[in-house]
Amino acid sequence: MARGGFQGFSGGNNMQQLMRQAQKLQQQALEMTEQLDAMEYTGKAGGGAVTCTVNGKREVLSLKINKDVIDPEDPEMLEDIVMAAINDALKQGEENREAQMNKLSGATGMGGLF
């Protein structure tokens, strides 16, 4: 180890550069999170009989049910179709969020940080 510090580390300038990089990464992550939160994803189930739209914040924005799928004698079927449509939309959002955050962390040399 070099005298007075770590080998290969020359002090203040490198630390300032590292801090600027960290701040830039933090800003990029914040901007990406805002963009991802605003995105919408539509899931479908039952051959399109039920559609659900969610946003990136995982909030249900709309749920549409075709009246032909409503069977008063079989409410469990409708429940299953509704859950499948919601889960499809949420899965799309999660996959997109993960892919976008991986791009950000990979592009900055901080692989796996997010």
C-alpha atoms as a PDB file:
ATOM      1  CA  MET A   1       0.000   0.000   0.000  1.00  0.00           C
ATOM      2  CA  ALA A   2       1.254   3.442  -0.858  1.00  0.00           C
ATOM      3  CA  ARG A   3       2.228   5.744   1.937  1.00  0.00           C
ATOM      4  CA  GLY A   4      -0.599   7.978   3.166  1.00  0.00           C
ATOM      5  CA  GLY A   5      -3.464   6.229   1.416  1.00  0.00           C
ATOM      6  CA  PHE A   6      -4.643   3.482  -0.843  1.00  0.00           C
ATOM      7  CA  GLN A   7      -2.542   2.300  -3.735  1.00  0.00           C
ATOM      8  CA  GLY A   8      -3.780   3.853  -6.998  1.00  0.00           C
ATOM      9  CA  PHE A   9      -6.032   6.321  -5.230  1.00  0.00           C
ATOM     10  CA  SER A  10      -4.874   9.882  -5.509  1.00  0.00           C
ATOM     11  CA  GLY A  11      -7.423  11.518  -3.290  1.00  0.00           C
ATOM     12  CA  GLY A  12      -9.752  14.459  -3.768  1.00  0.00           C
ATOM     13  CA  ASN A  13     -10.120  14.667  -7.531  1.00  0.00           C
ATOM     14  CA  ASN A  14     -11.058  11.021  -7.913  1.00  0.00           C
ATOM     15  CA  MET A  15     -13.491  11.272  -5.030  1.00  0.00           C
ATOM     16  CA  GLN A  16     -15.165  14.335  -6.561  1.00  0.00           C
ATOM     17  CA  GLN A  17     -15.460  12.563  -9.897  1.00  0.00           C
ATOM     18  CA  LEU A  18     -16.961   9.515  -8.197  1.00  0.00           C
ATOM     19  CA  MET A  19     -19.467  11.720  -6.353  1.00  0.00           C
ATOM     20  CA  ARG A  20     -20.490  13.415  -9.618  1.00  0.00           C
ATOM     21  CA  GLN A  21     -20.996  10.023 -11.236  1.00  0.00           C
ATOM     22  CA  ALA A  22     -23.093   8.866  -8.285  1.00  0.00           C
ATOM     23  CA  GLN A  23     -25.244  12.012  -8.447  1.00  0.00           C
ATOM     24  CA  LYS A  24     -25.701  11.580 -12.196  1.00  0.00           C
ATOM     25  CA  LEU A  25     -26.717   7.946 -11.717  1.00  0.00           C
ATOM     26  CA  GLN A  26     -29.132   8.922  -8.964  1.00  0.00           C
ATOM     27  CA  GLN A  27     -30.738  11.552 -11.225  1.00  0.00           C
ATOM     28  CA  GLN A  28     -31.015   9.075 -14.115  1.00  0.00           C
ATOM     29  CA  ALA A  29     -32.613   6.504 -11.827  1.00  0.00           C
ATOM     30  CA  LEU A  30     -35.108   9.078 -10.543  1.00  0.00           C
ATOM     31  CA  GLU A  31     -36.046  10.138 -14.079  1.00  0.00           C
ATOM     32  CA  MET A  32     -36.422   6.543 -15.203  1.00  0.00           C
ATOM     33  CA  THR A  33     -38.573   5.710 -12.191  1.00  0.00           C
ATOM     34  CA  GLU A  34     -40.884   8.625 -13.006  1.00  0.00           C
ATOM     35  CA  GLN A  35     -41.156   7.475 -16.616  1.00  0.00           C
ATOM     36  CA  LEU A  36     -41.813   3.873 -15.608  1.00  0.00           C
ATOM     37  CA  ASP A  37     -44.446   4.939 -13.061  1.00  0.00           C
ATOM     38  CA  ALA A  38     -46.334   6.806 -15.801  1.00  0.00           C
ATOM     39  CA  MET A  39     -46.379   3.895 -18.251  1.00  0.00           C
ATOM     40  CA  GLU A  40     -49.526   1.827 -18.731  1.00  0.00           C
ATOM     41  CA  TYR A  41     -49.855  -1.903 -19.322  1.00  0.00           C
ATOM     42  CA  THR A  42     -52.941  -3.792 -20.439  1.00  0.00           C
ATOM     43  CA  GLY A  43     -53.477  -7.421 -19.540  1.00  0.00           C
ATOM     44  CA  LYS A  44     -56.118  -9.672 -21.050  1.00  0.00           C
ATOM     45  CA  ALA A  45     -57.665 -12.983 -20.081  1.00  0.00           C
ATOM     46  CA  GLY A  46     -60.507 -15.216 -21.157  1.00  0.00           C
ATOM     47  CA  GLY A  47     -59.799 -14.609 -24.817  1.00  0.00           C
ATOM     48  CA  GLY A  48     -60.041 -10.855 -24.280  1.00  0.00           C
ATOM     49  CA  ALA A  49     -63.293 -11.077 -22.302  1.00  0.00           C
ATOM     50  CA  VAL A  50     -61.576  -9.249 -19.439  1.00  0.00           C
ATOM     51  CA  THR A  51     -59.017  -6.480 -19.840  1.00  0.00           C
ATOM     52  CA  CYS A  52     -57.196  -4.661 -17.097  1.00  0.00           C
ATOM     53  CA  THR A  53     -54.969  -1.611 -17.413  1.00  0.00           C
ATOM     54  CA  VAL A  54     -52.446  -0.761 -14.706  1.00  0.00           C
ATOM     55  CA  ASN A  55     -49.748   1.880 -14.443  1.00  0.00           C
ATOM     56  CA  GLY A  56     -46.143   1.502 -13.425  1.00  0.00           C
ATOM     57  CA  LYS A  57     -47.093   2.275  -9.832  1.00  0.00           C
ATOM     58  CA  ARG A  58     -49.095  -0.978  -9.883  1.00  0.00           C
ATOM     59  CA  GLU A  59     -52.410   0.871  -9.657  1.00  0.00           C
ATOM     60  CA  VAL A  60     -55.418  -0.507 -11.534  1.00  0.00           C
ATOM     61  CA  LEU A  61     -56.581   2.200 -13.929  1.00  0.00           C
ATOM     62  CA  SER A  62     -59.391   0.331 -15.634  1.00  0.00           C
ATOM     63  CA  LEU A  63     -61.095  -3.040 -15.662  1.00  0.00           C
ATOM     64  CA  LYS A  64     -63.428  -4.061 -18.461  1.00  0.00           C
ATOM     65  CA  ILE A  65     -65.568  -7.191 -18.387  1.00  0.00           C
ATOM     66  CA  ASN A  66     -67.504  -8.411 -21.410  1.00  0.00           C
ATOM     67  CA  LYS A  67     -71.074  -9.116 -20.280  1.00  0.00           C
ATOM     68  CA  ASP A  68     -71.028 -12.473 -22.087  1.00  0.00           C
ATOM     69  CA  VAL A  69     -68.499 -13.843 -19.573  1.00  0.00           C
ATOM     70  CA  ILE A  70     -70.709 -13.052 -16.570  1.00  0.00           C
ATOM     71  CA  ASP A  71     -72.383 -16.255 -15.404  1.00  0.00           C
ATOM     72  CA  PRO A  72     -74.326 -15.847 -12.146  1.00  0.00           C
ATOM     73  CA  GLU A  73     -74.050 -19.601 -11.644  1.00  0.00           C
ATOM     74  CA  ASP A  74     -70.219 -19.559 -11.838  1.00  0.00           C
ATOM     75  CA  PRO A  75     -68.770 -16.465 -10.144  1.00  0.00           C
ATOM     76  CA  GLU A  76     -65.485 -18.307  -9.485  1.00  0.00           C
ATOM     77  CA  MET A  77     -64.771 -18.449 -13.229  1.00  0.00           C
ATOM     78  CA  LEU A  78     -65.165 -14.681 -13.525  1.00  0.00           C
ATOM     79  CA  GLU A  79     -62.984 -14.141 -10.459  1.00  0.00           C
ATOM     80  CA  ASP A  80     -60.258 -16.303 -11.997  1.00  0.00           C
ATOM     81  CA  ILE A  81     -60.419 -14.459 -15.323  1.00  0.00           C
ATOM     82  CA  VAL A  82     -60.262 -11.052 -13.617  1.00  0.00           C
ATOM     83  CA  MET A  83     -57.261 -12.105 -11.526  1.00  0.00           C
ATOM     84  CA  ALA A  84     -55.524 -13.482 -14.607  1.00  0.00           C
ATOM     85  CA  ALA A  85     -56.003 -10.205 -16.506  1.00  0.00           C
ATOM     86  CA  ILE A  86     -54.714  -8.143 -13.577  1.00  0.00           C
ATOM     87  CA  ASN A  87     -51.722 -10.427 -13.082  1.00  0.00           C
ATOM     88  CA  ASP A  88     -50.930 -10.281 -16.811  1.00  0.00           C
ATOM     89  CA  ALA A  89     -50.847  -6.476 -16.739  1.00  0.00           C
ATOM     90  CA  LEU A  90     -48.761  -6.385 -13.550  1.00  0.00           C
ATOM     91  CA  LYS A  91     -46.307  -8.924 -14.970  1.00  0.00           C
ATOM     92  CA  GLN A  92     -45.809  -6.801 -18.088  1.00  0.00           C
ATOM     93  CA  GLY A  93     -45.059  -3.781 -15.925  1.00  0.00           C
ATOM     94  CA  GLU A  94     -42.601  -5.648 -13.710  1.00  0.00           C
ATOM     95  CA  GLU A  95     -40.757  -7.151 -16.668  1.00  0.00           C
ATOM     96  CA  ASN A  96     -40.440  -3.749 -18.324  1.00  0.00           C
ATOM     97  CA  ARG A  97     -39.288  -2.071 -15.093  1.00  0.00           C
ATOM     98  CA  GLU A  98     -36.657  -4.756 -14.532  1.00  0.00           C
ATOM     99  CA  ALA A  99     -35.402  -4.547 -18.122  1.00  0.00           C
ATOM    100  CA  GLN A 100     -35.142  -0.742 -18.025  1.00  0.00           C
ATOM    101  CA  MET A 101     -33.378  -0.642 -14.658  1.00  0.00           C
ATOM    102  CA  ASN A 102     -30.952  -3.334 -15.817  1.00  0.00           C
ATOM    103  CA  LYS A 103     -30.137  -1.176 -18.838  1.00  0.00           C
ATOM    104  CA  LEU A 104     -29.438   1.786 -16.556  1.00  0.00           C
ATOM    105  CA  SER A 105     -27.257  -0.164 -14.163  1.00  0.00           C
ATOM    106  CA  GLY A 106     -25.420  -1.925 -16.990  1.00  0.00           C
ATOM    107  CA  ALA A 107     -24.808   1.301 -18.900  1.00  0.00           C
ATOM    108  CA  THR A 108     -23.165   2.914 -15.899  1.00  0.00           C
ATOM    109  CA  GLY A 109     -20.937   0.042 -14.954  1.00  0.00           C
ATOM    110  CA  MET A 110     -22.907  -0.558 -11.792  1.00  0.00           C
ATOM    111  CA  GLY A 111     -24.219  -3.979 -12.878  1.00  0.00           C
ATOM    112  CA  GLY A 112     -26.820  -5.450 -10.584  1.00  0.00           C
ATOM    113  CA  LEU A 113     -27.189  -2.323  -8.460  1.00  0.00           C
ATOM    114  CA  PHE A 114     -30.907  -2.061  -9.176  1.00  0.00           C
END
